[in-house]
C-alpha atoms as a PDB file:
ATOM      1  CA  UNK A   1       0.000   0.000   0.000  1.00  0.00           C
ATOM      2  CA  UNK A   2       2.815   2.378   0.860  1.00  0.00           C
ATOM      3  CA  UNK A   3       4.332   1.824  -2.585  1.00  0.00           C
ATOM      4  CA  UNK A   4       1.037   2.693  -4.370  1.00  0.00           C
ATOM      5  CA  UNK A   5       0.598   5.819  -2.280  1.00  0.00           C
ATOM      6  CA  UNK A   6       4.153   6.929  -3.007  1.00  0.00           C
ATOM      7  CA  UNK A   7       3.694   6.367  -6.755  1.00  0.00           C
ATOM      8  CA  UNK A   8       0.393   8.261  -6.760  1.00  0.00           C
ATOM      9  CA  UNK A   9       1.956  11.159  -4.851  1.00  0.00           C
ATOM     10  CA  UNK A  10       4.934  11.208  -7.219  1.00  0.00           C
ATOM     11  CA  UNK A  11       2.622  11.172 -10.255  1.00  0.00           C
ATOM     12  CA  UNK A  12       0.487  14.030  -8.915  1.00  0.00           C
ATOM     13  CA  UNK A  13       3.573  16.074  -8.006  1.00  0.00           C
ATOM     14  CA  UNK A  14       5.118  15.589 -11.441  1.00  0.00           C
ATOM     15  CA  UNK A  15       1.843  16.480 -13.165  1.00  0.00           C
ATOM     16  CA  UNK A  16       1.510  19.700 -11.150  1.00  0.00           C
ATOM     17  CA  UNK A  17       5.137  20.593 -11.742  1.00  0.00           C
ATOM     18  CA  UNK A  18       4.943  20.222 -15.520  1.00  0.00           C
ATOM     19  CA  UNK A  19       1.581  21.938 -15.933  1.00  0.00           C
ATOM     20  CA  UNK A  20       2.802  24.933 -13.930  1.00  0.00           C
ATOM     21  CA  UNK A  21       5.475  25.575 -16.567  1.00  0.00           C
ATOM     22  CA  UNK A  22       3.023  25.767 -19.458  1.00  0.00           C
ATOM     23  CA  UNK A  23       2.349  28.805 -21.588  1.00  0.00           C
ATOM     24  CA  UNK A  24      -0.551  31.104 -20.833  1.00  0.00           C
ATOM     25  CA  UNK A  25      -1.239  31.348 -24.558  1.00  0.00           C
ATOM     26  CA  UNK A  26      -0.806  35.133 -24.547  1.00  0.00           C
ATOM     27  CA  UNK A  27       1.532  36.626 -27.119  1.00  0.00           C
ATOM     28  CA  UNK A  28       3.895  38.759 -25.036  1.00  0.00           C
ATOM     29  CA  UNK A  29       5.593  40.117 -28.169  1.00  0.00           C
ATOM     30  CA  UNK A  30       2.514  41.532 -29.845  1.00  0.00           C
ATOM     31  CA  UNK A  31       3.369  44.417 -32.196  1.00  0.00           C
ATOM     32  CA  UNK A  32       2.796  47.842 -30.766  1.00  0.00           C
ATOM     33  CA  UNK A  33       0.673  50.398 -32.616  1.00  0.00           C
ATOM     34  CA  UNK A  34       2.659  52.725 -34.862  1.00  0.00           C
ATOM     35  CA  UNK A  35       3.446  56.135 -33.431  1.00  0.00           C
ATOM     36  CA  UNK A  36       5.897  58.500 -35.099  1.00  0.00           C
ATOM     37  CA  UNK A  37       9.029  58.982 -33.007  1.00  0.00           C
ATOM     38  CA  UNK A  38       9.338  62.284 -31.191  1.00  0.00           C
ATOM     39  CA  UNK A  39      12.733  63.483 -32.361  1.00  0.00           C
ATOM     40  CA  UNK A  40      12.363  67.088 -31.223  1.00  0.00           C
ATOM     41  CA  UNK A  41      14.855  66.790 -28.347  1.00  0.00           C
ATOM     42  CA  UNK A  42      17.151  64.159 -29.852  1.00  0.00           C
ATOM     43  CA  UNK A  43      20.673  64.581 -31.165  1.00  0.00           C
ATOM     44  CA  UNK A  44      21.468  64.646 -34.874  1.00  0.00           C
ATOM     45  CA  UNK A  45      23.187  61.297 -34.438  1.00  0.00           C
ATOM     46  CA  UNK A  46      20.040  59.752 -32.905  1.00  0.00           C
ATOM     47  CA  UNK A  47      17.928  61.187 -35.738  1.00  0.00           C
ATOM     48  CA  UNK A  48      20.254  59.711 -38.370  1.00  0.00           C
ATOM     49  CA  UNK A  49      20.133  56.338 -36.606  1.00  0.00           C
ATOM     50  CA  UNK A  50      16.319  56.461 -36.467  1.00  0.00           C
ATOM     51  CA  UNK A  51      16.188  57.262 -40.181  1.00  0.00           C
ATOM     52  CA  UNK A  52      18.502  54.366 -41.027  1.00  0.00           C
ATOM     53  CA  UNK A  53      16.742  51.938 -38.677  1.00  0.00           C
ATOM     54  CA  UNK A  54      13.366  52.815 -40.160  1.00  0.00           C
ATOM     55  CA  UNK A  55      14.714  52.257 -43.666  1.00  0.00           C
ATOM     56  CA  UNK A  56      16.057  48.875 -42.553  1.00  0.00           C
ATOM     57  CA  UNK A  57      12.638  47.922 -41.121  1.00  0.00           C
ATOM     58  CA  UNK A  58      11.189  48.695 -44.553  1.00  0.00           C
ATOM     59  CA  UNK A  59      13.677  46.231 -46.090  1.00  0.00           C
ATOM     60  CA  UNK A  60      15.974  48.959 -47.392  1.00  0.00           C
ATOM     61  CA  UNK A  61      19.047  47.925 -45.381  1.00  0.00           C
ATOM     62  CA  UNK A  62      20.825  51.001 -44.142  1.00  0.00           C
ATOM     63  CA  UNK A  63      23.289  51.171 -41.269  1.00  0.00           C
ATOM     64  CA  UNK A  64      26.479  53.107 -40.710  1.00  0.00           C
ATOM     65  CA  UNK A  65      28.474  50.345 -38.998  1.00  0.00           C
ATOM     66  CA  UNK A  66      31.130  52.715 -37.709  1.00  0.00           C
ATOM     67  CA  UNK A  67      28.541  54.871 -35.944  1.00  0.00           C
ATOM     68  CA  UNK A  68      26.449  51.879 -34.884  1.00  0.00           C
ATOM     69  CA  UNK A  69      29.433  50.327 -33.092  1.00  0.00           C
ATOM     70  CA  UNK A  70      30.929  53.514 -31.651  1.00  0.00           C
ATOM     71  CA  UNK A  71      28.159  56.100 -31.183  1.00  0.00           C
ATOM     72  CA  UNK A  72      25.613  55.298 -28.484  1.00  0.00           C
ATOM     73  CA  UNK A  73      23.091  57.873 -29.754  1.00  0.00           C
ATOM     74  CA  UNK A  74      23.188  56.530 -33.319  1.00  0.00           C
ATOM     75  CA  UNK A  75      22.830  52.954 -32.035  1.00  0.00           C
ATOM     76  CA  UNK A  76      19.845  53.838 -29.832  1.00  0.00           C
ATOM     77  CA  UNK A  77      18.245  55.789 -32.679  1.00  0.00           C
ATOM     78  CA  UNK A  78      18.769  52.925 -35.137  1.00  0.00           C
ATOM     79  CA  UNK A  79      17.037  50.428 -32.839  1.00  0.00           C
ATOM     80  CA  UNK A  80      14.232  52.880 -32.021  1.00  0.00           C
ATOM     81  CA  UNK A  81      13.644  53.534 -35.718  1.00  0.00           C
ATOM     82  CA  UNK A  82      13.703  49.861 -36.590  1.00  0.00           C
ATOM     83  CA  UNK A  83      11.307  48.855 -33.791  1.00  0.00           C
ATOM     84  CA  UNK A  84       8.980  51.747 -34.483  1.00  0.00           C
ATOM     85  CA  UNK A  85       8.770  51.229 -38.245  1.00  0.00           C
ATOM     86  CA  UNK A  86       8.700  47.427 -38.350  1.00  0.00           C
ATOM     87  CA  UNK A  87       5.688  46.269 -40.347  1.00  0.00           C
ATOM     88  CA  UNK A  88       4.800  49.811 -41.411  1.00  0.00           C
ATOM     89  CA  UNK A  89       5.137  51.560 -44.751  1.00  0.00           C
ATOM     90  CA  UNK A  90       8.466  53.368 -44.987  1.00  0.00           C
ATOM     91  CA  UNK A  91       8.326  56.721 -43.236  1.00  0.00           C
ATOM     92  CA  UNK A  92      11.256  59.113 -43.582  1.00  0.00           C
ATOM     93  CA  UNK A  93      12.484  60.716 -40.384  1.00  0.00           C
END
């Protein structure tokens, strides 16, 4: 009897453990609605990066690798432009 109880307890524990790790079914990476970037207080380098990143999102690959690797503002702008324009018609910044 002790053996059956131990197996049942082990089975229930394993079932609870594995079902707790399941997906909720929600898409946590759902695309965000398009909003033009506010570039009014951004540096020229950030603006250029946003322009190039947006072009890249529109499948017109554009990146200044020197600036991307060495200029934080350009890099941040490039990623912001790419994320913001992904899946949207090409919009010049």
